[in-house]
């Protein structure tokens, strides 16, 4: 079953063209997906990272998986912001 990923650039200035915002979101999603072998791995890393960041208890092995989400997100963020100059904006990701 394929994970559903929703990416939205948030707190983006209204001066940025909608096309550029969509392109940034698409670059972000493509780069994020590259970091995982499949959607299930992406979904698992996202869930473990979310659980840990909300104070949940996860094992040492799960911590390593959760850390892959942070690394993947950072790489995707860099790709997403390439060619656009925005401050204070961030990518909101929802995985279902």
Protein backbone atom coordinates (compact mmCIF):
# COMPACT_ATOMS: atom_id res chain seq x y z
CA UNK A 1 0.00 0.00 0.00
CA UNK A 2 1.42 3.35 -1.01
CA UNK A 3 1.79 6.04 1.63
CA UNK A 4 0.01 9.27 0.86
CA UNK A 5 2.32 12.24 1.21
CA UNK A 6 1.13 15.82 1.34
CA UNK A 7 3.69 18.63 1.23
CA UNK A 8 2.82 22.30 1.66
CA UNK A 9 5.13 25.27 1.86
CA UNK A 10 3.90 27.24 4.87
CA UNK A 11 4.46 30.87 5.91
CA UNK A 12 5.54 31.66 2.39
CA UNK A 13 5.34 35.32 1.36
CA UNK A 14 2.46 36.17 -0.96
CA UNK A 15 4.96 37.67 -3.38
CA UNK A 16 6.11 34.20 -4.48
CA UNK A 17 4.32 32.94 -7.57
CA UNK A 18 2.07 29.93 -7.06
CA UNK A 19 3.98 28.05 -9.76
CA UNK A 20 7.27 28.53 -7.90
CA UNK A 21 5.68 27.36 -4.67
CA UNK A 22 4.33 24.19 -6.36
CA UNK A 23 7.74 23.52 -7.91
CA UNK A 24 9.43 23.89 -4.51
CA UNK A 25 6.92 21.47 -2.96
CA UNK A 26 7.48 18.97 -5.79
CA UNK A 27 11.30 19.21 -5.41
CA UNK A 28 10.93 18.66 -1.67
CA UNK A 29 8.73 15.57 -2.13
CA UNK A 30 10.99 14.05 -4.81
CA UNK A 31 14.08 14.48 -2.64
CA UNK A 32 12.29 13.12 0.43
CA UNK A 33 11.18 9.99 -1.45
CA UNK A 34 14.76 9.41 -2.69
CA UNK A 35 15.90 8.92 0.89
CA UNK A 36 13.74 5.83 1.45
CA UNK A 37 13.57 2.51 -0.40
CA UNK A 38 9.76 2.60 -0.45
CA UNK A 39 6.75 4.41 0.94
CA UNK A 40 6.40 2.04 3.88
CA UNK A 41 9.94 2.88 5.05
CA UNK A 42 9.17 6.59 4.69
CA UNK A 43 5.92 6.19 6.61
CA UNK A 44 7.63 4.21 9.41
CA UNK A 45 10.44 6.78 9.79
CA UNK A 46 7.91 9.63 9.88
CA UNK A 47 5.80 7.87 12.53
CA UNK A 48 8.78 7.05 14.74
CA UNK A 49 10.17 10.58 14.44
CA UNK A 50 6.74 12.03 15.28
CA UNK A 51 6.31 9.68 18.23
CA UNK A 52 9.76 10.54 19.61
CA UNK A 53 9.32 14.29 19.12
CA UNK A 54 6.02 14.15 21.02
CA UNK A 55 7.68 12.50 24.01
CA UNK A 56 6.91 8.89 23.14
CA UNK A 57 9.30 6.10 24.07
CA UNK A 58 11.06 4.31 21.24
CA UNK A 59 13.85 1.74 21.24
CA UNK A 60 17.47 2.41 20.25
CA UNK A 61 16.87 0.67 16.91
CA UNK A 62 13.79 2.81 16.34
CA UNK A 63 15.80 5.94 17.22
CA UNK A 64 18.08 5.18 14.28
CA UNK A 65 15.09 4.89 11.97
CA UNK A 66 13.61 8.11 13.34
CA UNK A 67 16.92 9.87 12.71
CA UNK A 68 16.67 8.92 9.03
CA UNK A 69 13.54 11.09 8.84
CA UNK A 70 15.38 14.15 10.15
CA UNK A 71 18.25 13.63 7.71
CA UNK A 72 15.86 13.08 4.80
CA UNK A 73 13.78 16.13 5.74
CA UNK A 74 16.88 18.35 5.91
CA UNK A 75 18.02 17.21 2.45
CA UNK A 76 14.53 17.68 1.05
CA UNK A 77 14.27 21.15 2.59
CA UNK A 78 17.50 22.20 0.89
CA UNK A 79 16.22 20.91 -2.45
CA UNK A 80 12.85 22.56 -1.95
CA UNK A 81 14.31 25.97 -1.19
CA UNK A 82 16.69 25.84 -4.14
CA UNK A 83 15.91 28.68 -6.57
CA UNK A 84 13.53 30.47 -4.22
CA UNK A 85 14.49 33.05 -1.64
CA UNK A 86 12.14 32.85 1.31
CA UNK A 87 12.68 33.39 5.00
CA UNK A 88 10.62 31.92 7.83
CA UNK A 89 8.94 29.46 5.45
CA UNK A 90 8.88 25.74 6.14
CA UNK A 91 7.57 22.56 4.56
CA UNK A 92 4.66 20.89 6.32
CA UNK A 93 4.51 17.16 5.61
CA UNK A 94 1.56 14.89 6.26
CA UNK A 95 1.92 11.16 5.78
CA UNK A 96 -1.09 8.91 5.79
